[in-house]
């Protein structure tokens, strides 16, 4: 891909190296920045919301609230379903003439009925909500797996010292989950940077315009639709570099902060 990104192309045939022209073309393309911004909006919206919801339900299920096994199963259903199936189901639900708008119209909330996938201001929002629903189950299972390994004696000792449930959660549970939360953030960011194609392609096809196009889909459009193999390859290299730099920076900084805190 690196070699492709440094070449000029004509009718799917390489025309020799053109140095950094493909990268310079991307830097002058406003659509490229729009797709990058969409990736950022998705990440900053999905990652914290999923983390907060999953942590809350993980704690509730770990405490064995009534029906906790059913809740675990229901949350995990979207995880085991293929992305294409989930995207197709959500497309039917969010369609302009789909069941969501039908229900809103039936109960007198027709002013809330929108073109969820076709309006420029709503298409990306619908993708974000869909991704939150899809990813809660994965984070929930990840946090539950860590919670089950915590020594219950720690909580019992805290209760003897008079700690409240809130104090135990913030002083015991969250610190012990910190490493798992870090793993979740890394995995989630990788997924939201490089594995959104199925949702975008099935639900909105990147539209309207470029309003819901992410960098991964931008690469697809350039290589397979526009046959701009050099530009698409350059965008792929940038996607790889951005993801790698984030992972390195996040892991390095958090690890160094933990070491300094432990001194």
C-alpha atoms as a PDB file:
ATOM      1  CA  UNK A   1       0.000   0.000   0.000  1.00  0.00           C
ATOM      2  CA  UNK A   2       2.888   2.373   0.737  1.00  0.00           C
ATOM      3  CA  UNK A   3       4.273   1.870  -2.770  1.00  0.00           C
ATOM      4  CA  UNK A   4       0.814   2.384  -4.291  1.00  0.00           C
ATOM      5  CA  UNK A   5       0.426   5.637  -2.354  1.00  0.00           C
ATOM      6  CA  UNK A   6       3.593   7.024  -3.940  1.00  0.00           C
ATOM      7  CA  UNK A   7       2.573   6.230  -7.504  1.00  0.00           C
ATOM      8  CA  UNK A   8       0.395   7.903 -10.084  1.00  0.00           C
ATOM      9  CA  UNK A   9      -2.389   5.775 -11.562  1.00  0.00           C
ATOM     10  CA  UNK A  10      -4.348   5.773 -14.810  1.00  0.00           C
ATOM     11  CA  UNK A  11      -7.040   3.208 -15.590  1.00  0.00           C
ATOM     12  CA  UNK A  12      -5.826   0.976 -12.736  1.00  0.00           C
ATOM     13  CA  UNK A  13      -2.286   1.003 -14.070  1.00  0.00           C
ATOM     14  CA  UNK A  14       0.680   2.520 -12.226  1.00  0.00           C
ATOM     15  CA  UNK A  15       2.297   5.464 -14.018  1.00  0.00           C
ATOM     16  CA  UNK A  16       5.489   5.698 -11.990  1.00  0.00           C
ATOM     17  CA  UNK A  17       6.363   7.360  -8.723  1.00  0.00           C
ATOM     18  CA  UNK A  18       4.974  10.847  -8.177  1.00  0.00           C
ATOM     19  CA  UNK A  19       6.648  11.369  -4.790  1.00  0.00           C
ATOM     20  CA  UNK A  20       4.125  12.820  -2.304  1.00  0.00           C
ATOM     21  CA  UNK A  21       1.535  14.157  -4.727  1.00  0.00           C
ATOM     22  CA  UNK A  22      -1.204  11.822  -3.489  1.00  0.00           C
ATOM     23  CA  UNK A  23      -0.640  12.956   0.101  1.00  0.00           C
ATOM     24  CA  UNK A  24      -0.614  16.606  -0.925  1.00  0.00           C
ATOM     25  CA  UNK A  25      -3.870  16.100  -2.828  1.00  0.00           C
ATOM     26  CA  UNK A  26      -5.445  14.680   0.326  1.00  0.00           C
ATOM     27  CA  UNK A  27      -4.279  17.622   2.410  1.00  0.00           C
ATOM     28  CA  UNK A  28      -5.998  19.943  -0.058  1.00  0.00           C
ATOM     29  CA  UNK A  29      -9.221  17.928  -0.124  1.00  0.00           C
ATOM     30  CA  UNK A  30     -11.908  19.262   2.263  1.00  0.00           C
ATOM     31  CA  UNK A  31     -13.733  15.920   2.079  1.00  0.00           C
ATOM     32  CA  UNK A  32     -10.711  14.232   3.630  1.00  0.00           C
ATOM     33  CA  UNK A  33     -10.855  16.517   6.660  1.00  0.00           C
ATOM     34  CA  UNK A  34     -14.613  15.999   6.904  1.00  0.00           C
ATOM     35  CA  UNK A  35     -14.156  12.237   7.091  1.00  0.00           C
ATOM     36  CA  UNK A  36     -11.424  12.586   9.720  1.00  0.00           C
ATOM     37  CA  UNK A  37     -13.713  14.825  11.759  1.00  0.00           C
ATOM     38  CA  UNK A  38     -16.484  12.227  11.519  1.00  0.00           C
ATOM     39  CA  UNK A  39     -14.109   9.597  12.917  1.00  0.00           C
ATOM     40  CA  UNK A  40     -13.213  11.896  15.797  1.00  0.00           C
ATOM     41  CA  UNK A  41     -16.876  12.664  16.532  1.00  0.00           C
ATOM     42  CA  UNK A  42     -17.719   8.971  16.560  1.00  0.00           C
ATOM     43  CA  UNK A  43     -14.833   8.125  18.898  1.00  0.00           C
ATOM     44  CA  UNK A  44     -15.441  10.924  21.411  1.00  0.00           C
ATOM     45  CA  UNK A  45     -19.165  10.104  21.435  1.00  0.00           C
ATOM     46  CA  UNK A  46     -19.134   6.305  21.514  1.00  0.00           C
ATOM     47  CA  UNK A  47     -16.144   5.474  23.736  1.00  0.00           C
ATOM     48  CA  UNK A  48     -17.100   7.418  26.906  1.00  0.00           C
ATOM     49  CA  UNK A  49     -20.836   6.739  26.627  1.00  0.00           C
ATOM     50  CA  UNK A  50     -20.331   2.996  26.179  1.00  0.00           C
ATOM     51  CA  UNK A  51     -17.808   2.959  29.031  1.00  0.00           C
ATOM     52  CA  UNK A  52     -20.145   4.734  31.483  1.00  0.00           C
ATOM     53  CA  UNK A  53     -23.205   2.642  30.585  1.00  0.00           C
ATOM     54  CA  UNK A  54     -21.270  -0.633  30.585  1.00  0.00           C
ATOM     55  CA  UNK A  55     -19.571   0.087  33.912  1.00  0.00           C
ATOM     56  CA  UNK A  56     -22.916   0.907  35.518  1.00  0.00           C
ATOM     57  CA  UNK A  57     -24.615  -2.243  34.248  1.00  0.00           C
ATOM     58  CA  UNK A  58     -21.547  -4.379  34.957  1.00  0.00           C
ATOM     59  CA  UNK A  59     -21.648  -3.269  38.596  1.00  0.00           C
ATOM     60  CA  UNK A  60     -25.404  -3.888  38.770  1.00  0.00           C
ATOM     61  CA  UNK A  61     -25.115  -7.357  37.244  1.00  0.00           C
ATOM     62  CA  UNK A  62     -22.094  -8.172  39.425  1.00  0.00           C
ATOM     63  CA  UNK A  63     -24.237  -7.255  42.430  1.00  0.00           C
ATOM     64  CA  UNK A  64     -26.755  -9.816  41.111  1.00  0.00           C
ATOM     65  CA  UNK A  65     -29.791  -7.638  40.779  1.00  0.00           C
ATOM     66  CA  UNK A  66     -32.992  -9.580  40.022  1.00  0.00           C
ATOM     67  CA  UNK A  67     -32.892 -10.938  36.475  1.00  0.00           C
ATOM     68  CA  UNK A  68     -29.163 -10.213  36.012  1.00  0.00           C
ATOM     69  CA  UNK A  69     -28.663 -13.278  33.786  1.00  0.00           C
ATOM     70  CA  UNK A  70     -31.362 -12.097  31.387  1.00  0.00           C
ATOM     71  CA  UNK A  71     -29.852  -8.613  31.240  1.00  0.00           C
ATOM     72  CA  UNK A  72     -26.431 -10.069  30.445  1.00  0.00           C
ATOM     73  CA  UNK A  73     -27.901 -12.142  27.613  1.00  0.00           C
ATOM     74  CA  UNK A  74     -29.883  -9.238  26.155  1.00  0.00           C
ATOM     75  CA  UNK A  75     -26.904  -6.898  26.152  1.00  0.00           C
ATOM     76  CA  UNK A  76     -24.679  -9.503  24.531  1.00  0.00           C
ATOM     77  CA  UNK A  77     -27.045 -10.334  21.627  1.00  0.00           C
ATOM     78  CA  UNK A  78     -25.796  -7.438  19.407  1.00  0.00           C
ATOM     79  CA  UNK A  79     -22.203  -8.566  19.964  1.00  0.00           C
ATOM     80  CA  UNK A  80     -22.696 -12.081  18.601  1.00  0.00           C
ATOM     81  CA  UNK A  81     -24.664 -10.899  15.562  1.00  0.00           C
ATOM     82  CA  UNK A  82     -22.680 -10.058  12.384  1.00  0.00           C
ATOM     83  CA  UNK A  83     -22.182  -6.348  11.777  1.00  0.00           C
ATOM     84  CA  UNK A  84     -24.011  -6.551   8.447  1.00  0.00           C
ATOM     85  CA  UNK A  85     -27.077  -8.075  10.117  1.00  0.00           C
ATOM     86  CA  UNK A  86     -27.101  -5.429  12.858  1.00  0.00           C
ATOM     87  CA  UNK A  87     -26.659  -2.638  10.311  1.00  0.00           C
ATOM     88  CA  UNK A  88     -29.473  -4.001   8.144  1.00  0.00           C
ATOM     89  CA  UNK A  89     -31.884  -4.331  11.067  1.00  0.00           C
ATOM     90  CA  UNK A  90     -31.098  -0.811  12.251  1.00  0.00           C
ATOM     91  CA  UNK A  91     -31.552   0.509   8.712  1.00  0.00           C
ATOM     92  CA  UNK A  92     -35.063  -0.925   8.598  1.00  0.00           C
ATOM     93  CA  UNK A  93     -35.876   0.503  12.034  1.00  0.00           C
ATOM     94  CA  UNK A  94     -34.504   3.985  11.292  1.00  0.00           C
ATOM     95  CA  UNK A  95     -35.867   4.188   7.769  1.00  0.00           C
ATOM     96  CA  UNK A  96     -38.047   7.208   7.043  1.00  0.00           C
ATOM     97  CA  UNK A  97     -41.059   4.902   6.733  1.00  0.00           C
ATOM     98  CA  UNK A  98     -39.743   2.432   9.296  1.00  0.00           C
ATOM     99  CA  UNK A  99     -41.234   1.284  12.603  1.00  0.00           C
ATOM    100  CA  UNK A 100     -39.558   3.993  14.724  1.00  0.00           C
ATOM    101  CA  UNK A 101     -41.287   6.817  12.896  1.00  0.00           C
ATOM    102  CA  UNK A 102     -44.483   4.758  12.699  1.00  0.00           C
ATOM    103  CA  UNK A 103     -44.545   4.420  16.495  1.00  0.00           C
ATOM    104  CA  UNK A 104     -43.790   8.117  16.977  1.00  0.00           C
ATOM    105  CA  UNK A 105     -46.628   9.071  14.647  1.00  0.00           C
ATOM    106  CA  UNK A 106     -49.008   6.604  16.318  1.00  0.00           C
ATOM    107  CA  UNK A 107     -48.473   8.035  19.803  1.00  0.00           C
ATOM    108  CA  UNK A 108     -48.803  11.648  18.692  1.00  0.00           C
ATOM    109  CA  UNK A 109     -45.101  12.501  18.610  1.00  0.00           C
ATOM    110  CA  UNK A 110     -45.008  12.989  14.867  1.00  0.00           C
ATOM    111  CA  UNK A 111     -42.845  16.100  15.325  1.00  0.00           C
ATOM    112  CA  UNK A 112     -40.070  13.739  16.424  1.00  0.00           C
ATOM    113  CA  UNK A 113     -40.335  11.584  13.310  1.00  0.00           C
ATOM    114  CA  UNK A 114     -37.308  12.332  11.160  1.00  0.00           C
ATOM    115  CA  UNK A 115     -35.401  11.059   8.166  1.00  0.00           C
ATOM    116  CA  UNK A 116     -32.831   9.519  10.502  1.00  0.00           C
ATOM    117  CA  UNK A 117     -30.523   8.177   7.800  1.00  0.00           C
ATOM    118  CA  UNK A 118     -31.143  10.691   5.024  1.00  0.00           C
ATOM    119  CA  UNK A 119     -30.804  14.050   6.753  1.00  0.00           C
ATOM    120  CA  UNK A 120     -27.282  15.572   6.854  1.00  0.00           C
ATOM    121  CA  UNK A 121     -27.578  16.508  10.511  1.00  0.00           C
ATOM    122  CA  UNK A 122     -28.977  13.152  11.627  1.00  0.00           C
ATOM    123  CA  UNK A 123     -27.214  10.454   9.601  1.00  0.00           C
ATOM    124  CA  UNK A 124     -23.993  10.536  11.651  1.00  0.00           C
ATOM    125  CA  UNK A 125     -26.005  10.801  14.875  1.00  0.00           C
ATOM    126  CA  UNK A 126     -27.915   7.649  13.915  1.00  0.00           C
ATOM    127  CA  UNK A 127     -24.641   5.846  13.208  1.00  0.00           C
ATOM    128  CA  UNK A 128     -23.296   6.890  16.618  1.00  0.00           C
ATOM    129  CA  UNK A 129     -26.404   5.697  18.479  1.00  0.00           C
ATOM    130  CA  UNK A 130     -26.266   2.389  16.584  1.00  0.00           C
ATOM    131  CA  UNK A 131     -22.605   1.886  17.491  1.00  0.00           C
ATOM    132  CA  UNK A 132     -23.302   2.613  21.145  1.00  0.00           C
ATOM    133  CA  UNK A 133     -26.031  -0.040  21.195  1.00  0.00           C
ATOM    134  CA  UNK A 134     -23.812  -2.524  19.374  1.00  0.00           C
ATOM    135  CA  UNK A 135     -20.743  -2.081  21.601  1.00  0.00           C
ATOM    136  CA  UNK A 136     -22.277  -2.005  25.078  1.00  0.00           C
ATOM    137  CA  UNK A 137     -22.360  -5.807  25.281  1.00  0.00           C
ATOM    138  CA  UNK A 138     -18.662  -6.226  24.494  1.00  0.00           C
ATOM    139  CA  UNK A 139     -17.563  -3.682  27.108  1.00  0.00           C
ATOM    140  CA  UNK A 140     -20.030  -5.137  29.613  1.00  0.00           C
ATOM    141  CA  UNK A 141     -18.598  -8.652  29.300  1.00  0.00           C
ATOM    142  CA  UNK A 142     -15.045  -7.264  29.479  1.00  0.00           C
ATOM    143  CA  UNK A 143     -15.743  -5.397  32.729  1.00  0.00           C
ATOM    144  CA  UNK A 144     -17.729  -8.276  34.220  1.00  0.00           C
ATOM    145  CA  UNK A 145     -14.871 -10.678  33.556  1.00  0.00           C
ATOM    146  CA  UNK A 146     -12.546  -8.433  35.561  1.00  0.00           C
ATOM    147  CA  UNK A 147     -15.044  -7.888  38.355  1.00  0.00           C
ATOM    148  CA  UNK A 148     -15.384 -11.624  38.929  1.00  0.00           C
ATOM    149  CA  UNK A 149     -11.653 -11.859  39.674  1.00  0.00           C
ATOM    150  CA  UNK A 150     -11.720  -9.240  42.452  1.00  0.00           C
ATOM    151  CA  UNK A 151     -11.320 -10.656  45.947  1.00  0.00           C
ATOM    152  CA  UNK A 152     -14.637 -10.157  47.718  1.00  0.00           C
ATOM    153  CA  UNK A 153     -12.726  -9.802  50.977  1.00  0.00           C
ATOM    154  CA  UNK A 154     -11.629  -6.322  49.909  1.00  0.00           C
ATOM    155  CA  UNK A 155     -15.247  -5.174  49.857  1.00  0.00           C
ATOM    156  CA  UNK A 156     -15.964  -6.874  53.178  1.00  0.00           C
ATOM    157  CA  UNK A 157     -13.022  -5.116  54.788  1.00  0.00           C
ATOM    158  CA  UNK A 158     -14.224  -1.788  53.397  1.00  0.00           C
ATOM    159  CA  UNK A 159     -17.705  -2.410  54.834  1.00  0.00           C
ATOM    160  CA  UNK A 160     -16.215  -3.098  58.245  1.00  0.00           C
ATOM    161  CA  UNK A 161     -14.442   0.267  58.012  1.00  0.00           C
ATOM    162  CA  UNK A 162     -17.789   1.903  57.273  1.00  0.00           C
ATOM    163  CA  UNK A 163     -17.366   2.550  53.543  1.00  0.00           C
ATOM    164  CA  UNK A 164     -20.531   3.305  51.597  1.00  0.00           C
ATOM    165  CA  UNK A 165     -21.420   1.705  48.258  1.00  0.00           C
ATOM    166  CA  UNK A 166     -20.314   4.863  46.429  1.00  0.00           C
ATOM    167  CA  UNK A 167     -17.005   4.940  48.272  1.00  0.00           C
ATOM    168  CA  UNK A 168     -16.374   1.274  47.516  1.00  0.00           C
ATOM    169  CA  UNK A 169     -17.124   1.831  43.841  1.00  0.00           C
ATOM    170  CA  UNK A 170     -14.800   4.795  43.388  1.00  0.00           C
ATOM    171  CA  UNK A 171     -12.072   3.650  45.794  1.00  0.00           C
ATOM    172  CA  UNK A 172     -11.997  -0.075  45.005  1.00  0.00           C
ATOM    173  CA  UNK A 173     -13.897  -1.042  41.873  1.00  0.00           C
ATOM    174  CA  UNK A 174     -12.744   1.669  39.456  1.00  0.00           C
ATOM    175  CA  UNK A 175      -9.035   1.525  40.415  1.00  0.00           C
ATOM    176  CA  UNK A 176      -9.050  -2.269  40.006  1.00  0.00           C
ATOM    177  CA  UNK A 177     -10.779  -1.879  36.631  1.00  0.00           C
ATOM    178  CA  UNK A 178      -8.345   0.749  35.347  1.00  0.00           C
ATOM    179  CA  UNK A 179      -6.220  -1.701  33.322  1.00  0.00           C
ATOM    180  CA  UNK A 180      -9.347  -3.252  31.786  1.00  0.00           C
ATOM    181  CA  UNK A 181     -10.746   0.178  30.948  1.00  0.00           C
ATOM    182  CA  UNK A 182      -7.474   1.014  29.198  1.00  0.00           C
ATOM    183  CA  UNK A 183      -7.691  -2.186  27.148  1.00  0.00           C
ATOM    184  CA  UNK A 184     -11.296  -1.353  26.279  1.00  0.00           C
ATOM    185  CA  UNK A 185     -10.362   2.146  25.082  1.00  0.00           C
ATOM    186  CA  UNK A 186      -7.564   0.831  22.839  1.00  0.00           C
ATOM    187  CA  UNK A 187      -9.733  -1.903  21.306  1.00  0.00           C
ATOM    188  CA  UNK A 188     -12.684   0.432  20.880  1.00  0.00           C
ATOM    189  CA  UNK A 189     -10.655   3.151  19.159  1.00  0.00           C
ATOM    190  CA  UNK A 190      -9.127   0.602  16.780  1.00  0.00           C
ATOM    191  CA  UNK A 191     -12.604  -0.672  15.945  1.00  0.00           C
ATOM    192  CA  UNK A 192     -14.032   2.811  15.431  1.00  0.00           C
ATOM    193  CA  UNK A 193     -11.149   3.818  13.196  1.00  0.00           C
ATOM    194  CA  UNK A 194     -10.847   0.740  11.005  1.00  0.00           C
ATOM    195  CA  UNK A 195     -13.963  -1.441  11.256  1.00  0.00           C
ATOM    196  CA  UNK A 196     -16.955   0.757  10.447  1.00  0.00           C
ATOM    197  CA  UNK A 197     -17.324  -0.125   6.778  1.00  0.00           C
ATOM    198  CA  UNK A 198     -20.322  -2.441   7.186  1.00  0.00           C
ATOM    199  CA  UNK A 199     -22.352   0.117   9.132  1.00  0.00           C
ATOM    200  CA  UNK A 200     -21.596   3.025   6.814  1.00  0.00           C
ATOM    201  CA  UNK A 201     -22.059   1.035   3.608  1.00  0.00           C
ATOM    202  CA  UNK A 202     -25.357  -0.574   4.638  1.00  0.00           C
ATOM    203  CA  UNK A 203     -26.967   2.274   6.571  1.00  0.00           C
ATOM    204  CA  UNK A 204     -26.020   5.497   4.765  1.00  0.00           C
ATOM    205  CA  UNK A 205     -23.399   4.742   2.071  1.00  0.00           C
ATOM    206  CA  UNK A 206     -21.502   7.681   3.534  1.00  0.00           C
ATOM    207  CA  UNK A 207     -24.240  10.162   2.719  1.00  0.00           C
ATOM    208  CA  UNK A 208     -25.923  12.376   2.277  1.00  0.00           C
ATOM    209  CA  UNK A 209     -22.851  13.858   0.660  1.00  0.00           C
ATOM    210  CA  UNK A 210     -19.925  13.119   2.973  1.00  0.00           C
ATOM    211  CA  UNK A 211     -21.877  13.798   6.170  1.00  0.00           C
ATOM    212  CA  UNK A 212     -21.487  10.225   7.491  1.00  0.00           C
ATOM    213  CA  UNK A 213     -18.367   9.152   5.586  1.00  0.00           C
ATOM    214  CA  UNK A 214     -15.487   7.951   7.756  1.00  0.00           C
ATOM    215  CA  UNK A 215     -11.870   7.522   6.714  1.00  0.00           C
ATOM    216  CA  UNK A 216     -12.240   3.793   6.091  1.00  0.00           C
ATOM    217  CA  UNK A 217     -15.164   4.378   3.733  1.00  0.00           C
ATOM    218  CA  UNK A 218     -13.334   7.297   2.131  1.00  0.00           C
ATOM    219  CA  UNK A 219     -10.563   4.839   1.197  1.00  0.00           C
ATOM    220  CA  UNK A 220     -13.135   2.502  -0.343  1.00  0.00           C
ATOM    221  CA  UNK A 221     -14.728   5.315  -2.364  1.00  0.00           C
ATOM    222  CA  UNK A 222     -11.401   6.472  -3.756  1.00  0.00           C
ATOM    223  CA  UNK A 223     -10.048   3.055  -4.678  1.00  0.00           C
ATOM    224  CA  UNK A 224     -13.149   1.205  -5.870  1.00  0.00           C
ATOM    225  CA  UNK A 225     -15.540   3.952  -6.946  1.00  0.00           C
ATOM    226  CA  UNK A 226     -13.296   6.749  -8.200  1.00  0.00           C
ATOM    227  CA  UNK A 227     -10.401   4.411  -9.076  1.00  0.00           C
ATOM    228  CA  UNK A 228      -8.001   6.855  -7.417  1.00  0.00           C
ATOM    229  CA  UNK A 229      -5.765   4.075  -6.134  1.00  0.00           C
ATOM    230  CA  UNK A 230      -2.912   6.389  -5.177  1.00  0.00           C
ATOM    231  CA  UNK A 231      -5.118   8.720  -3.120  1.00  0.00           C
ATOM    232  CA  UNK A 232      -6.965   5.817  -1.522  1.00  0.00           C
ATOM    233  CA  UNK A 233      -3.700   4.104  -0.596  1.00  0.00           C
ATOM    234  CA  UNK A 234      -2.342   7.347   0.843  1.00  0.00           C
ATOM    235  CA  UNK A 235      -5.484   7.672   2.977  1.00  0.00           C
ATOM    236  CA  UNK A 236      -4.973   4.071   4.130  1.00  0.00           C
ATOM    237  CA  UNK A 237      -1.413   4.842   5.212  1.00  0.00           C
ATOM    238  CA  UNK A 238      -2.627   7.899   7.103  1.00  0.00           C
ATOM    239  CA  UNK A 239      -5.327   5.802   8.812  1.00  0.00           C
ATOM    240  CA  UNK A 240      -2.711   3.265   9.900  1.00  0.00           C
ATOM    241  CA  UNK A 241      -0.343   5.962  11.174  1.00  0.00           C
ATOM    242  CA  UNK A 242      -3.039   7.846  13.092  1.00  0.00           C
ATOM    243  CA  UNK A 243      -4.233   4.645  14.788  1.00  0.00           C
ATOM    244  CA  UNK A 244      -0.685   3.522  15.616  1.00  0.00           C
ATOM    245  CA  UNK A 245       0.302   6.919  17.023  1.00  0.00           C
ATOM    246  CA  UNK A 246      -2.813   7.056  19.191  1.00  0.00           C
ATOM    247  CA  UNK A 247      -2.241   3.565  20.612  1.00  0.00           C
ATOM    248  CA  UNK A 248       1.440   4.239  21.313  1.00  0.00           C
ATOM    249  CA  UNK A 249       0.772   7.642  22.830  1.00  0.00           C
ATOM    250  CA  UNK A 250      -2.151   6.444  24.956  1.00  0.00           C
ATOM    251  CA  UNK A 251      -0.418   3.312  26.256  1.00  0.00           C
ATOM    252  CA  UNK A 252       2.917   5.105  26.787  1.00  0.00           C
ATOM    253  CA  UNK A 253       1.428   8.064  28.619  1.00  0.00           C
ATOM    254  CA  UNK A 254      -0.889   6.034  30.835  1.00  0.00           C
ATOM    255  CA  UNK A 255       1.854   3.524  31.659  1.00  0.00           C
ATOM    256  CA  UNK A 256       4.290   6.317  32.558  1.00  0.00           C
ATOM    257  CA  UNK A 257       1.636   8.030  34.684  1.00  0.00           C
ATOM    258  CA  UNK A 258       0.999   4.783  36.578  1.00  0.00           C
ATOM    259  CA  UNK A 259       4.707   4.306  37.187  1.00  0.00           C
ATOM    260  CA  UNK A 260       5.088   7.838  38.499  1.00  0.00           C
ATOM    261  CA  UNK A 261       2.041   7.408  40.733  1.00  0.00           C
ATOM    262  CA  UNK A 262       3.514   4.190  42.149  1.00  0.00           C
ATOM    263  CA  UNK A 263       6.770   5.836  43.219  1.00  0.00           C
END
